[in-house]
Amino acid sequence: METINGLYKAECIRTTVFHDGPYKTIADVEYATAGWVDWYNVRRLHGSLGNVPPIEFEQAHYAALNREPHPV
């Protein structure tokens, strides 16, 4: 839990990557957080997954499970 909190603070709260300027309202923080969560869960390149985004890895995984068997 500490690791994800540290990443969130470093990548979302302490930078302006997911928002412009300082946070003025709770809604600003919520909007930036939603953007960071989307990036983290869907679009970031994940080293443990072969440097592909998690969504692509998941799609490939389920596509492999749903392949029809080839006759031998």
PDB file of N, CA and C in Angstrom:
ATOM      1  N   MET A   1       0.822  -1.189   0.000  1.00  0.00           N
ATOM      2  CA  MET A   1       0.000   0.000   0.000  1.00  0.00           C
ATOM      3  C   MET A   1       0.866   1.253   0.000  1.00  0.00           C
ATOM      4  N   GLU A   2       1.954   1.239   0.739  1.00  0.00           N
ATOM      5  CA  GLU A   2       2.817   2.412   0.791  1.00  0.00           C
ATOM      6  C   GLU A   2       3.417   2.718  -0.575  1.00  0.00           C
ATOM      7  N   THR A   3       3.728   1.689  -1.336  1.00  0.00           N
ATOM      8  CA  THR A   3       4.323   1.900  -2.654  1.00  0.00           C
ATOM      9  C   THR A   3       3.364   2.615  -3.589  1.00  0.00           C
ATOM     10  N   ILE A   4       2.119   2.168  -3.648  1.00  0.00           N
ATOM     11  CA  ILE A   4       1.150   2.794  -4.544  1.00  0.00           C
ATOM     12  C   ILE A   4       0.851   4.222  -4.096  1.00  0.00           C
ATOM     13  N   ASN A   5       0.796   4.455  -2.796  1.00  0.00           N
ATOM     14  CA  ASN A   5       0.588   5.822  -2.304  1.00  0.00           C
ATOM     15  C   ASN A   5       1.754   6.720  -2.695  1.00  0.00           C
ATOM     16  N   GLY A   6       2.965   6.205  -2.590  1.00  0.00           N
ATOM     17  CA  GLY A   6       4.146   6.969  -2.981  1.00  0.00           C
ATOM     18  C   GLY A   6       4.147   7.293  -4.464  1.00  0.00           C
ATOM     19  N   LEU A   7       3.795   6.304  -5.286  1.00  0.00           N
ATOM     20  CA  LEU A   7       3.698   6.550  -6.730  1.00  0.00           C
ATOM     21  C   LEU A   7       2.650   7.602  -7.038  1.00  0.00           C
ATOM     22  N   TYR A   8       1.498   7.479  -6.409  1.00  0.00           N
ATOM     23  CA  TYR A   8       0.406   8.430  -6.627  1.00  0.00           C
ATOM     24  C   TYR A   8       0.850   9.854  -6.283  1.00  0.00           C
ATOM     25  N   LYS A   9       1.482  10.007  -5.133  1.00  0.00           N
ATOM     26  CA  LYS A   9       1.924  11.333  -4.723  1.00  0.00           C
ATOM     27  C   LYS A   9       2.984  11.884  -5.682  1.00  0.00           C
ATOM     28  N   ALA A  10       3.932  11.047  -6.055  1.00  0.00           N
ATOM     29  CA  ALA A  10       5.023  11.494  -6.920  1.00  0.00           C
ATOM     30  C   ALA A  10       4.548  11.795  -8.333  1.00  0.00           C
ATOM     31  N   GLU A  11       3.650  10.966  -8.867  1.00  0.00           N
ATOM     32  CA  GLU A  11       3.259  11.093 -10.265  1.00  0.00           C
ATOM     33  C   GLU A  11       2.030  11.963 -10.482  1.00  0.00           C
ATOM     34  N   CYS A  12       1.164  12.074  -9.501  1.00  0.00           N
ATOM     35  CA  CYS A  12      -0.083  12.809  -9.693  1.00  0.00           C
ATOM     36  C   CYS A  12      -0.130  14.097  -8.871  1.00  0.00           C
ATOM     37  N   ILE A  13       0.127  14.005  -7.594  1.00  0.00           N
ATOM     38  CA  ILE A  13      -0.047  15.152  -6.706  1.00  0.00           C
ATOM     39  C   ILE A  13       1.080  16.173  -6.833  1.00  0.00           C
ATOM     40  N   ARG A  14       2.314  15.710  -6.884  1.00  0.00           N
ATOM     41  CA  ARG A  14       3.456  16.633  -6.861  1.00  0.00           C
ATOM     42  C   ARG A  14       3.893  17.113  -8.251  1.00  0.00           C
ATOM     43  N   THR A  15       3.195  16.730  -9.294  1.00  0.00           N
ATOM     44  CA  THR A  15       3.524  17.185 -10.645  1.00  0.00           C
ATOM     45  C   THR A  15       2.291  17.840 -11.260  1.00  0.00           C
ATOM     46  N   THR A  16       2.453  18.362 -12.446  1.00  0.00           N
ATOM     47  CA  THR A  16       1.309  18.915 -13.168  1.00  0.00           C
ATOM     48  C   THR A  16       1.001  18.080 -14.406  1.00  0.00           C
ATOM     49  N   VAL A  17       1.385  16.816 -14.388  1.00  0.00           N
ATOM     50  CA  VAL A  17       1.122  15.929 -15.518  1.00  0.00           C
ATOM     51  C   VAL A  17      -0.373  15.685 -15.676  1.00  0.00           C
ATOM     52  N   PHE A  18      -1.086  15.524 -14.589  1.00  0.00           N
ATOM     53  CA  PHE A  18      -2.503  15.180 -14.638  1.00  0.00           C
ATOM     54  C   PHE A  18      -3.415  16.351 -14.295  1.00  0.00           C
ATOM     55  N   HIS A  19      -2.851  17.551 -14.134  1.00  0.00           N
ATOM     56  CA  HIS A  19      -3.652  18.743 -13.858  1.00  0.00           C
ATOM     57  C   HIS A  19      -2.827  19.974 -14.192  1.00  0.00           C
ATOM     58  N   ASP A  20      -3.486  21.085 -14.384  1.00  0.00           N
ATOM     59  CA  ASP A  20      -2.799  22.356 -14.651  1.00  0.00           C
ATOM     60  C   ASP A  20      -2.796  23.208 -13.390  1.00  0.00           C
ATOM     61  N   GLY A  21      -1.622  23.641 -12.988  1.00  0.00           N
ATOM     62  CA  GLY A  21      -1.520  24.541 -11.849  1.00  0.00           C
ATOM     63  C   GLY A  21      -1.836  23.893 -10.524  1.00  0.00           C
ATOM     64  N   PRO A  22      -1.924  24.713  -9.471  1.00  0.00           N
ATOM     65  CA  PRO A  22      -2.196  24.170  -8.131  1.00  0.00           C
ATOM     66  C   PRO A  22      -3.647  23.691  -7.994  1.00  0.00           C
ATOM     67  N   TYR A  23      -3.834  22.760  -7.097  1.00  0.00           N
ATOM     68  CA  TYR A  23      -5.190  22.289  -6.795  1.00  0.00           C
ATOM     69  C   TYR A  23      -5.911  23.374  -5.999  1.00  0.00           C
ATOM     70  N   LYS A  24      -7.111  23.695  -6.414  1.00  0.00           N
ATOM     71  CA  LYS A  24      -7.886  24.723  -5.713  1.00  0.00           C
ATOM     72  C   LYS A  24      -9.096  24.135  -5.001  1.00  0.00           C
ATOM     73  N   THR A  25      -9.579  23.003  -5.500  1.00  0.00           N
ATOM     74  CA  THR A  25     -10.762  22.380  -4.903  1.00  0.00           C
ATOM     75  C   THR A  25     -10.555  20.877  -4.810  1.00  0.00           C
ATOM     76  N   ILE A  26     -11.417  20.236  -4.053  1.00  0.00           N
ATOM     77  CA  ILE A  26     -11.412  18.777  -3.976  1.00  0.00           C
ATOM     78  C   ILE A  26     -11.702  18.185  -5.357  1.00  0.00           C
ATOM     79  N   ALA A  27     -12.554  18.844  -6.122  1.00  0.00           N
ATOM     80  CA  ALA A  27     -12.875  18.373  -7.470  1.00  0.00           C
ATOM     81  C   ALA A  27     -11.625  18.340  -8.347  1.00  0.00           C
ATOM     82  N   ASP A  28     -10.714  19.301  -8.168  1.00  0.00           N
ATOM     83  CA  ASP A  28      -9.453  19.292  -8.920  1.00  0.00           C
ATOM     84  C   ASP A  28      -8.647  18.038  -8.610  1.00  0.00           C
ATOM     85  N   VAL A  29      -8.570  17.693  -7.338  1.00  0.00           N
ATOM     86  CA  VAL A  29      -7.834  16.497  -6.909  1.00  0.00           C
ATOM     87  C   VAL A  29      -8.529  15.242  -7.449  1.00  0.00           C
ATOM     88  N   GLU A  30      -9.847  15.194  -7.382  1.00  0.00           N
ATOM     89  CA  GLU A  30     -10.584  14.035  -7.874  1.00  0.00           C
ATOM     90  C   GLU A  30     -10.389  13.849  -9.371  1.00  0.00           C
ATOM     91  N   TYR A  31     -10.411  14.928 -10.133  1.00  0.00           N
ATOM     92  CA  TYR A  31     -10.241  14.856 -11.578  1.00  0.00           C
ATOM     93  C   TYR A  31      -8.832  14.377 -11.928  1.00  0.00           C
ATOM     94  N   ALA A  32      -7.823  14.920 -11.260  1.00  0.00           N
ATOM     95  CA  ALA A  32      -6.447  14.492 -11.495  1.00  0.00           C
ATOM     96  C   ALA A  32      -6.265  13.031 -11.098  1.00  0.00           C
ATOM     97  N   THR A  33      -6.875  12.631 -10.000  1.00  0.00           N
ATOM     98  CA  THR A  33      -6.781  11.241  -9.544  1.00  0.00           C
ATOM     99  C   THR A  33      -7.401  10.297 -10.562  1.00  0.00           C
ATOM    100  N   ALA A  34      -8.546  10.661 -11.115  1.00  0.00           N
ATOM    101  CA  ALA A  34      -9.194   9.819 -12.131  1.00  0.00           C
ATOM    102  C   ALA A  34      -8.283   9.656 -13.346  1.00  0.00           C
ATOM    103  N   GLY A  35      -7.636  10.728 -13.758  1.00  0.00           N
ATOM    104  CA  GLY A  35      -6.705  10.640 -14.884  1.00  0.00           C
ATOM    105  C   GLY A  35      -5.523   9.752 -14.580  1.00  0.00           C
ATOM    106  N   TRP A  36      -4.980   9.864 -13.366  1.00  0.00           N
ATOM    107  CA  TRP A  36      -3.837   9.042 -12.984  1.00  0.00           C
ATOM    108  C   TRP A  36      -4.232   7.570 -12.908  1.00  0.00           C
ATOM    109  N   VAL A  37      -5.382   7.276 -12.326  1.00  0.00           N
ATOM    110  CA  VAL A  37      -5.844   5.879 -12.222  1.00  0.00           C
ATOM    111  C   VAL A  37      -6.048   5.287 -13.606  1.00  0.00           C
ATOM    112  N   ASP A  38      -6.629   6.050 -14.525  1.00  0.00           N
ATOM    113  CA  ASP A  38      -6.798   5.569 -15.899  1.00  0.00           C
ATOM    114  C   ASP A  38      -5.444   5.263 -16.528  1.00  0.00           C
ATOM    115  N   TRP A  39      -4.498   6.186 -16.390  1.00  0.00           N
ATOM    116  CA  TRP A  39      -3.168   5.961 -16.944  1.00  0.00           C
ATOM    117  C   TRP A  39      -2.516   4.735 -16.301  1.00  0.00           C
ATOM    118  N   TYR A  40      -2.578   4.635 -14.991  1.00  0.00           N
ATOM    119  CA  TYR A  40      -1.907   3.551 -14.268  1.00  0.00           C
ATOM    120  C   TYR A  40      -2.501   2.186 -14.621  1.00  0.00           C
ATOM    121  N   ASN A  41      -3.808   2.085 -14.717  1.00  0.00           N
ATOM    122  CA  ASN A  41      -4.464   0.798 -14.959  1.00  0.00           C
ATOM    123  C   ASN A  41      -4.573   0.425 -16.428  1.00  0.00           C
ATOM    124  N   VAL A  42      -4.510   1.405 -17.328  1.00  0.00           N
ATOM    125  CA  VAL A  42      -4.807   1.118 -18.730  1.00  0.00           C
ATOM    126  C   VAL A  42      -3.640   1.417 -19.664  1.00  0.00           C
ATOM    127  N   ARG A  43      -2.997   2.571 -19.530  1.00  0.00           N
ATOM    128  CA  ARG A  43      -2.095   3.037 -20.577  1.00  0.00           C
ATOM    129  C   ARG A  43      -0.605   2.947 -20.283  1.00  0.00           C
ATOM    130  N   ARG A  44      -0.179   2.834 -19.039  1.00  0.00           N
ATOM    131  CA  ARG A  44       1.260   2.862 -18.732  1.00  0.00           C
ATOM    132  C   ARG A  44       1.949   1.610 -19.256  1.00  0.00           C
ATOM    133  N   LEU A  45       3.202   1.726 -19.595  1.00  0.00           N
ATOM    134  CA  LEU A  45       3.982   0.573 -20.007  1.00  0.00           C
ATOM    135  C   LEU A  45       4.438  -0.143 -18.742  1.00  0.00           C
ATOM    136  N   HIS A  46       4.138  -1.420 -18.665  1.00  0.00           N
ATOM    137  CA  HIS A  46       4.391  -2.193 -17.456  1.00  0.00           C
ATOM    138  C   HIS A  46       5.552  -3.146 -17.709  1.00  0.00           C
ATOM    139  N   GLY A  47       6.639  -2.955 -16.987  1.00  0.00           N
ATOM    140  CA  GLY A  47       7.843  -3.757 -17.181  1.00  0.00           C
ATOM    141  C   GLY A  47       7.639  -5.242 -16.958  1.00  0.00           C
ATOM    142  N   SER A  48       6.843  -5.614 -15.984  1.00  0.00           N
ATOM    143  CA  SER A  48       6.609  -7.035 -15.699  1.00  0.00           C
ATOM    144  C   SER A  48       5.740  -7.706 -16.753  1.00  0.00           C
ATOM    145  N   LEU A  49       5.107  -6.903 -17.603  1.00  0.00           N
ATOM    146  CA  LEU A  49       4.231  -7.450 -18.647  1.00  0.00           C
ATOM    147  C   LEU A  49       4.869  -7.328 -20.030  1.00  0.00           C
ATOM    148  N   GLY A  50       6.183  -7.176 -20.080  1.00  0.00           N
ATOM    149  CA  GLY A  50       6.860  -7.066 -21.366  1.00  0.00           C
ATOM    150  C   GLY A  50       6.769  -5.672 -21.976  1.00  0.00           C
ATOM    151  N   ASN A  51       6.651  -4.663 -21.131  1.00  0.00           N
ATOM    152  CA  ASN A  51       6.546  -3.266 -21.563  1.00  0.00           C
ATOM    153  C   ASN A  51       5.368  -3.009 -22.487  1.00  0.00           C
ATOM    154  N   VAL A  52       4.258  -3.639 -22.178  1.00  0.00           N
ATOM    155  CA  VAL A  52       2.999  -3.338 -22.858  1.00  0.00           C
ATOM    156  C   VAL A  52       2.027  -2.810 -21.814  1.00  0.00           C
ATOM    157  N   PRO A  53       1.066  -1.998 -22.232  1.00  0.00           N
ATOM    158  CA  PRO A  53       0.076  -1.504 -21.273  1.00  0.00           C
ATOM    159  C   PRO A  53      -0.755  -2.652 -20.699  1.00  0.00           C
ATOM    160  N   PRO A  54      -1.197  -2.537 -19.451  1.00  0.00           N
ATOM    161  CA  PRO A  54      -1.983  -3.603 -18.836  1.00  0.00           C
ATOM    162  C   PRO A  54      -3.214  -4.000 -19.653  1.00  0.00           C
ATOM    163  N   ILE A  55      -3.889  -3.056 -20.286  1.00  0.00           N
ATOM    164  CA  ILE A  55      -5.097  -3.385 -21.040  1.00  0.00           C
ATOM    165  C   ILE A  55      -4.759  -4.264 -22.242  1.00  0.00           C
ATOM    166  N   GLU A  56      -3.642  -3.987 -22.922  1.00  0.00           N
ATOM    167  CA  GLU A  56      -3.240  -4.822 -24.059  1.00  0.00           C
ATOM    168  C   GLU A  56      -2.863  -6.221 -23.597  1.00  0.00           C
ATOM    169  N   PHE A  57      -2.174  -6.316 -22.471  1.00  0.00           N
ATOM    170  CA  PHE A  57      -1.794  -7.619 -21.941  1.00  0.00           C
ATOM    171  C   PHE A  57      -3.043  -8.433 -21.592  1.00  0.00           C
ATOM    172  N   GLU A  58      -4.003  -7.790 -20.958  1.00  0.00           N
ATOM    173  CA  GLU A  58      -5.246  -8.472 -20.585  1.00  0.00           C
ATOM    174  C   GLU A  58      -6.021  -8.933 -21.825  1.00  0.00           C
ATOM    175  N   GLN A  59      -6.096  -8.091 -22.837  1.00  0.00           N
ATOM    176  CA  GLN A  59      -6.794  -8.463 -24.064  1.00  0.00           C
ATOM    177  C   GLN A  59      -6.117  -9.655 -24.739  1.00  0.00           C
ATOM    178  N   ALA A  60      -4.782  -9.662 -24.787  1.00  0.00           N
ATOM    179  CA  ALA A  60      -4.051 -10.784 -25.385  1.00  0.00           C
ATOM    180  C   ALA A  60      -4.260 -12.055 -24.574  1.00  0.00           C
ATOM    181  N   HIS A  61      -4.295 -11.920 -23.272  1.00  0.00           N
ATOM    182  CA  HIS A  61      -4.514 -13.079 -22.401  1.00  0.00           C
ATOM    183  C   HIS A  61      -5.867 -13.734 -22.688  1.00  0.00           C
ATOM    184  N   TYR A  62      -6.928 -12.925 -22.723  1.00  0.00           N
ATOM    185  CA  TYR A  62      -8.256 -13.488 -22.962  1.00  0.00           C
ATOM    186  C   TYR A  62      -8.421 -13.969 -24.397  1.00  0.00           C
ATOM    187  N   ALA A  63      -7.750 -13.331 -25.339  1.00  0.00           N
ATOM    188  CA  ALA A  63      -7.799 -13.808 -26.725  1.00  0.00           C
ATOM    189  C   ALA A  63      -7.165 -15.189 -26.827  1.00  0.00           C
ATOM    190  N   ALA A  64      -6.071 -15.399 -26.084  1.00  0.00           N
ATOM    191  CA  ALA A  64      -5.412 -16.711 -26.097  1.00  0.00           C
ATOM    192  C   ALA A  64      -6.305 -17.776 -25.464  1.00  0.00           C
ATOM    193  N   LEU A  65      -7.052 -17.417 -24.446  1.00  0.00           N
ATOM    194  CA  LEU A  65      -7.945 -18.374 -23.792  1.00  0.00           C
ATOM    195  C   LEU A  65      -9.120 -18.764 -24.687  1.00  0.00           C
ATOM    196  N   ASN A  66      -9.541 -17.840 -25.553  1.00  0.00           N
ATOM    197  CA  ASN A  66     -10.741 -18.061 -26.362  1.00  0.00           C
ATOM    198  C   ASN A  66     -10.436 -18.618 -27.754  1.00  0.00           C
ATOM    199  N   ARG A  67      -9.175 -18.942 -28.048  1.00  0.00           N
ATOM    200  CA  ARG A  67      -8.851 -19.509 -29.343  1.00  0.00           C
ATOM    201  C   ARG A  67      -9.472 -20.888 -29.503  1.00  0.00           C
ATOM    202  N   GLU A  68      -9.920 -21.151 -30.704  1.00  0.00           N
ATOM    203  CA  GLU A  68     -10.464 -22.481 -30.978  1.00  0.00           C
ATOM    204  C   GLU A  68      -9.306 -23.450 -31.153  1.00  0.00           C
ATOM    205  N   PRO A  69      -9.449 -24.648 -30.622  1.00  0.00           N
ATOM    206  CA  PRO A  69      -8.355 -25.628 -30.772  1.00  0.00           C
ATOM    207  C   PRO A  69      -8.192 -26.045 -32.230  1.00  0.00           C
ATOM    208  N   HIS A  70      -6.942 -26.251 -32.625  1.00  0.00           N
ATOM    209  CA  HIS A  70      -6.642 -26.694 -33.988  1.00  0.00           C
ATOM    210  C   HIS A  70      -6.641 -28.214 -34.032  1.00  0.00           C
ATOM    211  N   PRO A  71      -7.255 -28.810 -35.060  1.00  0.00           N
ATOM    212  CA  PRO A  71      -7.214 -30.270 -35.170  1.00  0.00           C
ATOM    213  C   PRO A  71      -5.776 -30.745 -35.431  1.00  0.00           C
ATOM    214  N   VAL A  72      -5.452 -31.875 -34.865  1.00  0.00           N
ATOM    215  CA  VAL A  72      -4.099 -32.425 -35.007  1.00  0.00           C
ATOM    216  C   VAL A  72      -4.029 -33.415 -36.125  1.00  0.00           C
TER     217      VAL A  72
END
